[in-house]
Each structure stands twice: as structure tokens, then as C-alpha cells.
All heavy atoms as atom14 arrays in JSON, in Angstrom:
{
  "sequence": "GYPTSSHMFRNLIPLLADQYHVIAPDLPGFGYTEVRSGYKYTFDNLA",
  "atom14_mask": [
    [1, 1, 1, 1, 0, 0, 0, 0, 0, 0, 0, 0, 0, 0],
    [1, 1, 1, 1, 1, 1, 1, 1, 1, 1, 1, 1, 0, 0],
    [1, 1, 1, 1, 1, 1, 1, 0, 0, 0, 0, 0, 0, 0],
    [1, 1, 1, 1, 1, 1, 1, 0, 0, 0, 0, 0, 0, 0],
    [1, 1, 1, 1, 1, 1, 0, 0, 0, 0, 0, 0, 0, 0],
    [1, 1, 1, 1, 1, 1, 0, 0, 0, 0, 0, 0, 0, 0],
    [1, 1, 1, 1, 1, 1, 1, 1, 1, 1, 0, 0, 0, 0],
    [1, 1, 1, 1, 1, 1, 1, 1, 0, 0, 0, 0, 0, 0],
    [1, 1, 1, 1, 1, 1, 1, 1, 1, 1, 1, 0, 0, 0],
    [1, 1, 1, 1, 1, 1, 1, 1, 1, 1, 1, 0, 0, 0],
    [1, 1, 1, 1, 1, 1, 1, 1, 0, 0, 0, 0, 0, 0],
    [1, 1, 1, 1, 1, 1, 1, 1, 0, 0, 0, 0, 0, 0],
    [1, 1, 1, 1, 1, 1, 1, 1, 0, 0, 0, 0, 0, 0],
    [1, 1, 1, 1, 1, 1, 1, 0, 0, 0, 0, 0, 0, 0],
    [1, 1, 1, 1, 1, 1, 1, 1, 0, 0, 0, 0, 0, 0],
    [1, 1, 1, 1, 1, 1, 1, 1, 0, 0, 0, 0, 0, 0],
    [1, 1, 1, 1, 1, 0, 0, 0, 0, 0, 0, 0, 0, 0],
    [1, 1, 1, 1, 1, 1, 1, 1, 0, 0, 0, 0, 0, 0],
    [1, 1, 1, 1, 1, 1, 1, 1, 1, 0, 0, 0, 0, 0],
    [1, 1, 1, 1, 1, 1, 1, 1, 1, 1, 1, 1, 0, 0],
    [1, 1, 1, 1, 1, 1, 1, 1, 1, 1, 0, 0, 0, 0],
    [1, 1, 1, 1, 1, 1, 1, 0, 0, 0, 0, 0, 0, 0],
    [1, 1, 1, 1, 1, 1, 1, 1, 0, 0, 0, 0, 0, 0],
    [1, 1, 1, 1, 1, 0, 0, 0, 0, 0, 0, 0, 0, 0],
    [1, 1, 1, 1, 1, 1, 1, 0, 0, 0, 0, 0, 0, 0],
    [1, 1, 1, 1, 1, 1, 1, 1, 0, 0, 0, 0, 0, 0],
    [1, 1, 1, 1, 1, 1, 1, 1, 0, 0, 0, 0, 0, 0],
    [1, 1, 1, 1, 1, 1, 1, 0, 0, 0, 0, 0, 0, 0],
    [1, 1, 1, 1, 0, 0, 0, 0, 0, 0, 0, 0, 0, 0],
    [1, 1, 1, 1, 1, 1, 1, 1, 1, 1, 1, 0, 0, 0],
    [1, 1, 1, 1, 0, 0, 0, 0, 0, 0, 0, 0, 0, 0],
    [1, 1, 1, 1, 1, 1, 1, 1, 1, 1, 1, 1, 0, 0],
    [1, 1, 1, 1, 1, 1, 1, 0, 0, 0, 0, 0, 0, 0],
    [1, 1, 1, 1, 1, 1, 1, 1, 1, 0, 0, 0, 0, 0],
    [1, 1, 1, 1, 1, 1, 1, 0, 0, 0, 0, 0, 0, 0],
    [1, 1, 1, 1, 1, 1, 1, 1, 1, 1, 1, 0, 0, 0],
    [1, 1, 1, 1, 1, 1, 0, 0, 0, 0, 0, 0, 0, 0],
    [1, 1, 1, 1, 0, 0, 0, 0, 0, 0, 0, 0, 0, 0],
    [1, 1, 1, 1, 1, 1, 1, 1, 1, 1, 1, 1, 0, 0],
    [1, 1, 1, 1, 1, 1, 1, 1, 1, 0, 0, 0, 0, 0],
    [1, 1, 1, 1, 1, 1, 1, 1, 1, 1, 1, 1, 0, 0],
    [1, 1, 1, 1, 1, 1, 1, 0, 0, 0, 0, 0, 0, 0],
    [1, 1, 1, 1, 1, 1, 1, 1, 1, 1, 1, 0, 0, 0],
    [1, 1, 1, 1, 1, 1, 1, 1, 0, 0, 0, 0, 0, 0],
    [1, 1, 1, 1, 1, 1, 1, 1, 0, 0, 0, 0, 0, 0],
    [1, 1, 1, 1, 1, 1, 1, 1, 0, 0, 0, 0, 0, 0],
    [1, 1, 1, 1, 1, 0, 0, 0, 0, 0, 0, 0, 0, 0]
  ],
  "atom14_positions": [
    [[0.81, -1.14, -0.03], [0.04, 0.0, 0.0], [0.81, 1.28, 0.06], [2.18, 1.21, -0.32], [0.0, 0.0, 0.0], [0.0, 0.0, 0.0], [0.0, 0.0, 0.0], [0.0, 0.0, 0.0], [0.0, 0.0, 0.0], [0.0, 0.0, 0.0], [0.0, 0.0, 0.0], [0.0, 0.0, 0.0], [0.0, 0.0, 0.0], [0.0, 0.0, 0.0]],
    [[0.26, 2.38, 0.38], [0.88, 3.61, 0.51], [1.47, 3.87, 1.85], [0.87, 3.44, 2.84], [-0.3, 4.76, 0.23], [0.37, 6.12, 0.52], [1.03, 6.8, -0.55], [0.16, 6.69, 1.68], [1.46, 8.13, -0.28], [0.71, 7.97, 1.98], [1.25, 8.79, 1.03], [1.84, 10.01, 1.27], [0.0, 0.0, 0.0], [0.0, 0.0, 0.0]],
    [[2.62, 4.46, 2.04], [3.52, 4.98, 0.94], [4.78, 4.06, 0.8], [5.81, 4.4, 0.51], [3.98, 6.24, 1.55], [4.1, 5.95, 2.97], [3.05, 4.87, 3.34], [0.0, 0.0, 0.0], [0.0, 0.0, 0.0], [0.0, 0.0, 0.0], [0.0, 0.0, 0.0], [0.0, 0.0, 0.0], [0.0, 0.0, 0.0], [0.0, 0.0, 0.0]],
    [[4.42, 2.72, 0.82], [5.49, 1.71, 0.86], [5.81, 1.0, -0.34], [5.54, 1.58, -1.45], [5.33, 0.81, 2.12], [6.46, -0.04, 2.25], [3.99, 0.06, 1.95], [0.0, 0.0, 0.0], [0.0, 0.0, 0.0], [0.0, 0.0, 0.0], [0.0, 0.0, 0.0], [0.0, 0.0, 0.0], [0.0, 0.0, 0.0], [0.0, 0.0, 0.0]],
    [[6.21, -0.15, -0.33], [6.69, -0.9, -1.56], [6.62, -2.47, -1.0], [6.36, -2.73, 0.05], [8.04, -0.49, -2.04], [8.95, -0.84, -1.11], [0.0, 0.0, 0.0], [0.0, 0.0, 0.0], [0.0, 0.0, 0.0], [0.0, 0.0, 0.0], [0.0, 0.0, 0.0], [0.0, 0.0, 0.0], [0.0, 0.0, 0.0], [0.0, 0.0, 0.0]],
    [[7.19, -3.24, -1.9], [7.38, -4.73, -1.63], [8.22, -4.88, -0.41], [8.31, -5.96, 0.22], [7.79, -5.46, -2.76], [9.03, -5.11, -3.23], [0.0, 0.0, 0.0], [0.0, 0.0, 0.0], [0.0, 0.0, 0.0], [0.0, 0.0, 0.0], [0.0, 0.0, 0.0], [0.0, 0.0, 0.0], [0.0, 0.0, 0.0], [0.0, 0.0, 0.0]],
    [[9.03, -3.77, -0.03], [9.84, -3.93, 1.0], [9.06, -4.17, 2.4], [9.69, -4.81, 3.38], [10.72, -2.54, 1.28], [11.64, -2.5, 2.4], [11.33, -1.82, 3.56], [12.94, -3.01, 2.58], [12.29, -2.04, 4.43], [13.23, -2.66, 3.83], [0.0, 0.0, 0.0], [0.0, 0.0, 0.0], [0.0, 0.0, 0.0], [0.0, 0.0, 0.0]],
    [[7.85, -3.86, 2.48], [7.11, -4.12, 3.61], [6.94, -5.59, 3.85], [6.54, -5.93, 5.04], [5.71, -3.32, 3.52], [4.79, -4.01, 2.61], [3.09, -3.33, 2.72], [2.48, -4.28, 4.13], [0.0, 0.0, 0.0], [0.0, 0.0, 0.0], [0.0, 0.0, 0.0], [0.0, 0.0, 0.0], [0.0, 0.0, 0.0], [0.0, 0.0, 0.0]],
    [[7.11, -6.42, 2.87], [6.87, -7.93, 3.1], [8.32, -8.41, 3.19], [8.42, -9.79, 3.34], [6.3, -8.48, 1.82], [4.93, -7.91, 1.51], [4.75, -7.23, 0.33], [3.96, -7.93, 2.54], [3.46, -6.67, 0.08], [2.74, -7.59, 2.09], [2.3, -6.92, 0.87], [0.0, 0.0, 0.0], [0.0, 0.0, 0.0], [0.0, 0.0, 0.0]],
    [[9.39, -7.79, 3.55], [10.73, -8.45, 3.83], [10.78, -9.43, 4.87], [11.54, -10.4, 4.7], [11.74, -7.28, 4.03], [11.52, -6.65, 5.31], [12.25, -5.26, 5.53], [12.05, -4.72, 6.86], [10.92, -4.02, 7.23], [10.0, -3.87, 6.36], [10.97, -3.44, 8.46], [0.0, 0.0, 0.0], [0.0, 0.0, 0.0], [0.0, 0.0, 0.0]],
    [[9.99, -9.32, 5.99], [10.0, -10.22, 6.98], [8.93, -11.36, 6.87], [9.04, -12.44, 7.5], [9.81, -9.5, 8.34], [10.9, -8.52, 8.68], [12.0, -8.82, 8.53], [10.56, -7.33, 9.25], [0.0, 0.0, 0.0], [0.0, 0.0, 0.0], [0.0, 0.0, 0.0], [0.0, 0.0, 0.0], [0.0, 0.0, 0.0], [0.0, 0.0, 0.0]],
    [[7.81, -11.0, 6.07], [6.8, -12.03, 5.91], [7.31, -13.12, 4.88], [6.97, -14.33, 5.08], [5.54, -11.28, 5.51], [4.36, -12.29, 5.22], [3.85, -12.92, 6.49], [3.21, -11.36, 4.54], [0.0, 0.0, 0.0], [0.0, 0.0, 0.0], [0.0, 0.0, 0.0], [0.0, 0.0, 0.0], [0.0, 0.0, 0.0], [0.0, 0.0, 0.0]],
    [[7.88, -12.71, 3.86], [8.21, -13.76, 2.8], [8.96, -14.91, 3.31], [8.58, -16.04, 3.02], [9.01, -13.0, 1.65], [8.11, -12.08, 0.87], [9.64, -13.93, 0.57], [8.74, -11.05, -0.04], [0.0, 0.0, 0.0], [0.0, 0.0, 0.0], [0.0, 0.0, 0.0], [0.0, 0.0, 0.0], [0.0, 0.0, 0.0], [0.0, 0.0, 0.0]],
    [[10.03, -14.78, 4.1], [10.71, -15.9, 4.57], [9.86, -16.82, 5.47], [10.25, -18.1, 5.71], [11.87, -15.34, 5.43], [12.13, -13.89, 4.96], [10.65, -13.52, 4.67], [0.0, 0.0, 0.0], [0.0, 0.0, 0.0], [0.0, 0.0, 0.0], [0.0, 0.0, 0.0], [0.0, 0.0, 0.0], [0.0, 0.0, 0.0], [0.0, 0.0, 0.0]],
    [[8.79, -16.31, 6.08], [8.03, -17.08, 6.99], [7.03, -17.99, 6.16], [6.24, -18.66, 6.81], [7.36, -16.23, 8.18], [8.18, -15.47, 8.97], [7.25, -14.49, 9.92], [9.05, -16.36, 9.82], [0.0, 0.0, 0.0], [0.0, 0.0, 0.0], [0.0, 0.0, 0.0], [0.0, 0.0, 0.0], [0.0, 0.0, 0.0], [0.0, 0.0, 0.0]],
    [[6.84, -17.73, 4.81], [5.88, -18.38, 4.15], [6.44, -19.26, 2.89], [5.87, -20.03, 2.38], [4.86, -17.25, 3.41], [4.05, -16.51, 4.51], [3.32, -15.47, 3.76], [3.05, -17.33, 5.27], [0.0, 0.0, 0.0], [0.0, 0.0, 0.0], [0.0, 0.0, 0.0], [0.0, 0.0, 0.0], [0.0, 0.0, 0.0], [0.0, 0.0, 0.0]],
    [[7.67, -18.88, 2.57], [8.36, -19.33, 1.26], [8.69, -20.78, 1.29], [8.98, -21.44, 0.31], [9.58, -18.43, 0.81], [0.0, 0.0, 0.0], [0.0, 0.0, 0.0], [0.0, 0.0, 0.0], [0.0, 0.0, 0.0], [0.0, 0.0, 0.0], [0.0, 0.0, 0.0], [0.0, 0.0, 0.0], [0.0, 0.0, 0.0], [0.0, 0.0, 0.0]],
    [[8.61, -21.39, 2.52], [8.92, -22.84, 2.66], [7.72, -23.69, 2.0], [7.99, -24.78, 1.27], [9.28, -23.27, 3.97], [8.0, -23.12, 4.94], [7.36, -22.17, 4.76], [7.77, -23.87, 5.88], [0.0, 0.0, 0.0], [0.0, 0.0, 0.0], [0.0, 0.0, 0.0], [0.0, 0.0, 0.0], [0.0, 0.0, 0.0], [0.0, 0.0, 0.0]],
    [[6.57, -23.03, 2.14], [5.27, -23.92, 1.66], [4.7, -23.25, 0.42], [3.8, -23.77, -0.15], [4.31, -23.95, 2.73], [4.68, -25.03, 3.85], [3.5, -25.18, 4.84], [2.97, -24.33, 5.34], [3.13, -26.42, 4.95], [0.0, 0.0, 0.0], [0.0, 0.0, 0.0], [0.0, 0.0, 0.0], [0.0, 0.0, 0.0], [0.0, 0.0, 0.0]],
    [[5.03, -22.06, 0.11], [4.3, -21.28, -0.86], [5.33, -20.64, -1.83], [6.36, -20.26, -1.49], [3.32, -20.27, -0.28], [2.43, -20.92, 0.57], [2.56, -20.92, 2.0], [1.28, -21.55, 0.11], [1.58, -21.55, 2.83], [0.41, -22.24, 0.87], [0.56, -22.14, 2.26], [-0.33, -22.79, 3.08], [0.0, 0.0, 0.0], [0.0, 0.0, 0.0]],
    [[4.81, -20.24, -2.94], [5.68, -19.47, -4.01], [5.09, -18.03, -3.81], [3.98, -17.82, -3.96], [5.17, -20.04, -5.4], [5.76, -19.21, -6.51], [5.02, -18.89, -7.76], [7.1, -18.56, -6.74], [5.94, -18.25, -8.44], [7.08, -17.97, -7.91], [0.0, 0.0, 0.0], [0.0, 0.0, 0.0], [0.0, 0.0, 0.0], [0.0, 0.0, 0.0]],
    [[5.91, -17.27, -3.41], [5.62, -15.84, -2.98], [6.13, -14.82, -3.97], [7.27, -14.83, -4.22], [6.1, -15.51, -1.5], [5.55, -14.21, -1.02], [5.75, -16.72, -0.57], [0.0, 0.0, 0.0], [0.0, 0.0, 0.0], [0.0, 0.0, 0.0], [0.0, 0.0, 0.0], [0.0, 0.0, 0.0], [0.0, 0.0, 0.0], [0.0, 0.0, 0.0]],
    [[5.16, -13.96, -4.42], [5.44, -12.91, -5.36], [5.03, -11.56, -4.71], [3.9, -11.47, -4.38], [4.8, -13.1, -6.74], [5.15, -14.41, -7.31], [5.04, -11.97, -7.64], [6.51, -14.55, -7.84], [0.0, 0.0, 0.0], [0.0, 0.0, 0.0], [0.0, 0.0, 0.0], [0.0, 0.0, 0.0], [0.0, 0.0, 0.0], [0.0, 0.0, 0.0]],
    [[5.92, -10.61, -4.75], [5.59, -9.28, -4.15], [6.12, -8.14, -5.07], [7.22, -7.88, -5.02], [6.09, -9.12, -2.81], [0.0, 0.0, 0.0], [0.0, 0.0, 0.0], [0.0, 0.0, 0.0], [0.0, 0.0, 0.0], [0.0, 0.0, 0.0], [0.0, 0.0, 0.0], [0.0, 0.0, 0.0], [0.0, 0.0, 0.0], [0.0, 0.0, 0.0]],
    [[5.24, -7.53, -5.91], [5.69, -6.56, -6.9], [5.54, -5.19, -6.27], [4.8, -4.92, -5.22], [4.69, -6.62, -7.97], [3.47, -7.03, -7.35], [3.82, -8.02, -6.14], [0.0, 0.0, 0.0], [0.0, 0.0, 0.0], [0.0, 0.0, 0.0], [0.0, 0.0, 0.0], [0.0, 0.0, 0.0], [0.0, 0.0, 0.0], [0.0, 0.0, 0.0]],
    [[6.24, -4.15, -6.72], [6.14, -2.75, -6.52], [5.05, -2.17, -7.47], [5.23, -2.32, -8.63], [7.43, -1.92, -6.63], [8.41, -2.25, -5.49], [8.1, -3.03, -4.47], [9.58, -1.88, -5.52], [0.0, 0.0, 0.0], [0.0, 0.0, 0.0], [0.0, 0.0, 0.0], [0.0, 0.0, 0.0], [0.0, 0.0, 0.0], [0.0, 0.0, 0.0]],
    [[4.03, -1.57, -6.98], [3.03, -0.93, -7.81], [3.67, 0.31, -8.58], [4.67, 0.95, -8.06], [1.9, -0.35, -7.04], [1.08, -1.41, -6.21], [0.05, -0.76, -5.38], [0.31, -2.47, -7.1], [0.0, 0.0, 0.0], [0.0, 0.0, 0.0], [0.0, 0.0, 0.0], [0.0, 0.0, 0.0], [0.0, 0.0, 0.0], [0.0, 0.0, 0.0]],
    [[3.09, 0.51, -9.67], [3.6, 1.82, -10.49], [3.41, 2.99, -9.53], [2.47, 3.24, -8.86], [2.65, 1.81, -11.6], [2.22, 0.46, -11.82], [2.17, -0.14, -10.47], [0.0, 0.0, 0.0], [0.0, 0.0, 0.0], [0.0, 0.0, 0.0], [0.0, 0.0, 0.0], [0.0, 0.0, 0.0], [0.0, 0.0, 0.0], [0.0, 0.0, 0.0]],
    [[4.56, 3.94, -9.46], [4.57, 5.01, -8.6], [5.14, 4.73, -7.33], [5.32, 5.59, -6.5], [0.0, 0.0, 0.0], [0.0, 0.0, 0.0], [0.0, 0.0, 0.0], [0.0, 0.0, 0.0], [0.0, 0.0, 0.0], [0.0, 0.0, 0.0], [0.0, 0.0, 0.0], [0.0, 0.0, 0.0], [0.0, 0.0, 0.0], [0.0, 0.0, 0.0]],
    [[5.59, 3.48, -7.06], [6.16, 3.09, -5.84], [7.45, 2.25, -6.02], [7.6, 1.59, -6.92], [5.15, 2.31, -4.9], [3.96, 3.08, -4.63], [2.8, 3.04, -5.45], [3.8, 3.76, -3.4], [1.63, 3.77, -5.19], [2.76, 4.5, -3.02], [1.67, 4.55, -4.03], [0.0, 0.0, 0.0], [0.0, 0.0, 0.0], [0.0, 0.0, 0.0]],
    [[8.29, 2.28, -4.95], [9.45, 1.36, -4.86], [10.36, 1.46, -6.03], [10.74, 2.6, -6.4], [0.0, 0.0, 0.0], [0.0, 0.0, 0.0], [0.0, 0.0, 0.0], [0.0, 0.0, 0.0], [0.0, 0.0, 0.0], [0.0, 0.0, 0.0], [0.0, 0.0, 0.0], [0.0, 0.0, 0.0], [0.0, 0.0, 0.0], [0.0, 0.0, 0.0]],
    [[10.75, 0.39, -6.62], [11.72, 0.33, -7.58], [11.12, 0.08, -9.05], [11.85, -0.09, -9.96], [12.85, -0.66, -7.58], [13.56, -0.33, -6.09], [13.24, -1.07, -4.89], [14.53, 0.53, -6.04], [14.0, -0.81, -3.67], [15.17, 0.89, -4.98], [14.89, 0.16, -3.74], [15.67, 0.53, -2.49], [0.0, 0.0, 0.0], [0.0, 0.0, 0.0]],
    [[9.75, 0.12, -9.11], [9.13, -0.01, -10.45], [9.37, 1.23, -11.22], [9.29, 2.31, -10.66], [7.68, -0.34, -10.23], [7.56, -1.67, -9.9], [6.92, -0.21, -11.52], [0.0, 0.0, 0.0], [0.0, 0.0, 0.0], [0.0, 0.0, 0.0], [0.0, 0.0, 0.0], [0.0, 0.0, 0.0], [0.0, 0.0, 0.0], [0.0, 0.0, 0.0]],
    [[9.82, 1.13, -12.53], [10.02, 2.18, -13.32], [8.94, 2.35, -14.41], [8.55, 1.37, -15.1], [11.35, 1.99, -14.05], [12.46, 1.97, -13.08], [13.88, 1.45, -13.89], [13.9, 1.71, -15.07], [14.83, 1.02, -13.25], [0.0, 0.0, 0.0], [0.0, 0.0, 0.0], [0.0, 0.0, 0.0], [0.0, 0.0, 0.0], [0.0, 0.0, 0.0]],
    [[8.32, 3.62, -14.39], [7.2, 3.91, -15.12], [7.58, 4.76, -16.39], [8.18, 5.62, -16.21], [6.14, 4.42, -14.37], [4.86, 4.8, -15.06], [5.87, 3.63, -13.13], [0.0, 0.0, 0.0], [0.0, 0.0, 0.0], [0.0, 0.0, 0.0], [0.0, 0.0, 0.0], [0.0, 0.0, 0.0], [0.0, 0.0, 0.0], [0.0, 0.0, 0.0]],
    [[6.96, 4.5, -17.43], [7.06, 5.3, -18.72], [6.49, 6.63, -18.44], [5.59, 6.72, -17.7], [6.56, 4.57, -19.94], [4.95, 4.49, -19.81], [4.38, 3.75, -21.13], [3.04, 3.68, -21.02], [2.28, 2.81, -20.36], [2.86, 1.93, -19.59], [0.9, 2.88, -20.33], [0.0, 0.0, 0.0], [0.0, 0.0, 0.0], [0.0, 0.0, 0.0]],
    [[7.02, 7.66, -19.24], [6.37, 8.95, -19.16], [5.02, 8.97, -19.82], [4.72, 8.12, -20.73], [7.17, 9.98, -20.02], [7.28, 9.63, -21.32], [0.0, 0.0, 0.0], [0.0, 0.0, 0.0], [0.0, 0.0, 0.0], [0.0, 0.0, 0.0], [0.0, 0.0, 0.0], [0.0, 0.0, 0.0], [0.0, 0.0, 0.0], [0.0, 0.0, 0.0]],
    [[4.16, 9.69, -19.3], [2.7, 9.68, -19.77], [1.75, 8.74, -19.07], [0.49, 8.62, -19.35], [0.0, 0.0, 0.0], [0.0, 0.0, 0.0], [0.0, 0.0, 0.0], [0.0, 0.0, 0.0], [0.0, 0.0, 0.0], [0.0, 0.0, 0.0], [0.0, 0.0, 0.0], [0.0, 0.0, 0.0], [0.0, 0.0, 0.0], [0.0, 0.0, 0.0]],
    [[2.28, 7.93, -18.16], [1.47, 6.96, -17.53], [0.53, 7.78, -16.59], [0.84, 8.62, -15.84], [2.28, 6.05, -16.61], [1.58, 4.85, -15.97], [1.51, 3.73, -16.41], [1.11, 5.17, -14.72], [0.86, 2.54, -15.93], [0.36, 3.91, -14.03], [0.29, 2.77, -14.72], [-0.36, 1.72, -14.09], [0.0, 0.0, 0.0], [0.0, 0.0, 0.0]],
    [[-0.78, 7.41, -16.64], [-1.84, 8.15, -15.91], [-2.05, 7.33, -14.56], [-2.45, 6.06, -14.64], [-3.08, 8.19, -16.65], [-4.21, 9.03, -15.96], [-5.5, 9.17, -16.76], [-6.37, 10.04, -15.91], [-7.79, 10.3, -16.8], [0.0, 0.0, 0.0], [0.0, 0.0, 0.0], [0.0, 0.0, 0.0], [0.0, 0.0, 0.0], [0.0, 0.0, 0.0]],
    [[-1.82, 7.87, -13.33], [-1.94, 7.36, -12.12], [-3.36, 7.23, -11.64], [-3.85, 8.26, -11.02], [-0.96, 8.02, -11.22], [0.48, 7.6, -11.47], [1.26, 8.46, -12.4], [1.12, 6.49, -10.94], [2.5, 8.16, -12.64], [2.37, 6.16, -11.28], [3.21, 7.02, -12.05], [4.38, 6.77, -12.37], [0.0, 0.0, 0.0], [0.0, 0.0, 0.0]],
    [[-4.06, 6.21, -11.85], [-5.34, 5.86, -11.4], [-5.26, 4.39, -10.8], [-4.54, 3.67, -11.35], [-6.47, 6.02, -12.46], [-6.29, 4.83, -13.41], [-6.41, 7.37, -13.11], [0.0, 0.0, 0.0], [0.0, 0.0, 0.0], [0.0, 0.0, 0.0], [0.0, 0.0, 0.0], [0.0, 0.0, 0.0], [0.0, 0.0, 0.0], [0.0, 0.0, 0.0]],
    [[-6.26, 4.14, -10.03], [-6.34, 2.73, -9.57], [-6.71, 1.65, -10.58], [-6.24, 0.54, -10.61], [-7.27, 2.63, -8.32], [-6.53, 3.23, -7.1], [-6.65, 4.55, -6.77], [-5.72, 2.46, -6.27], [-6.02, 5.17, -5.7], [-5.02, 2.93, -5.14], [-5.21, 4.32, -4.82], [0.0, 0.0, 0.0], [0.0, 0.0, 0.0], [0.0, 0.0, 0.0]],
    [[-7.51, 2.16, -11.58], [-7.89, 1.31, -12.73], [-6.59, 0.9, -13.44], [-6.31, -0.12, -13.92], [-8.74, 2.04, -13.63], [-10.12, 1.97, -13.2], [-10.47, 1.15, -12.39], [-11.03, 2.71, -13.76], [0.0, 0.0, 0.0], [0.0, 0.0, 0.0], [0.0, 0.0, 0.0], [0.0, 0.0, 0.0], [0.0, 0.0, 0.0], [0.0, 0.0, 0.0]],
    [[-5.61, 1.98, -13.64], [-4.48, 1.67, -14.41], [-3.44, 0.83, -13.65], [-2.79, 0.0, -14.15], [-3.84, 3.0, -14.87], [-4.47, 3.63, -16.04], [-5.29, 3.01, -16.68], [-4.25, 4.93, -16.28], [0.0, 0.0, 0.0], [0.0, 0.0, 0.0], [0.0, 0.0, 0.0], [0.0, 0.0, 0.0], [0.0, 0.0, 0.0], [0.0, 0.0, 0.0]],
    [[-3.42, 1.1, -12.4], [-2.57, 0.22, -11.54], [-2.9, -1.16, -11.52], [-2.16, -2.08, -11.65], [-2.6, 0.79, -9.95], [-1.43, 1.65, -9.59], [-1.34, 2.95, -10.5], [-1.66, 2.04, -8.06], [0.0, 0.0, 0.0], [0.0, 0.0, 0.0], [0.0, 0.0, 0.0], [0.0, 0.0, 0.0], [0.0, 0.0, 0.0], [0.0, 0.0, 0.0]],
    [[-4.18, -1.36, -11.45], [-4.81, -2.8, -11.64], [-4.51, -3.31, -12.94], [-4.24, -4.59, -13.1], [-6.22, -2.84, -11.21], [0.0, 0.0, 0.0], [0.0, 0.0, 0.0], [0.0, 0.0, 0.0], [0.0, 0.0, 0.0], [0.0, 0.0, 0.0], [0.0, 0.0, 0.0], [0.0, 0.0, 0.0], [0.0, 0.0, 0.0], [0.0, 0.0, 0.0]]
  ]
}
């Protein structure tokens, strides 16, 4: 969520990864995801 990134899951992932395949992306506008110019920041577009 806001204003964080997949970093917020740094402690959770190791507690689940023995039994599950865990994926944690950074949403556009957050973290280390790189967004092209002209991207319109709406929740529809994030989804």
C-alpha cells in the first residue's frame, strides 16, 4: 500500500516461502518499479 513498496513484506516472505511460491511486486509509482512517461496514475491503471 501507500507509501511503501514490496519492502514491507521483507519479514513475511521468509515465513511463508517454505510452503508457498511468494511474489511481491512494487506498484507503479512506488518502490523500484520504473514507469514510462505519460502513465496516468489511477487505480484502474494500477490494476
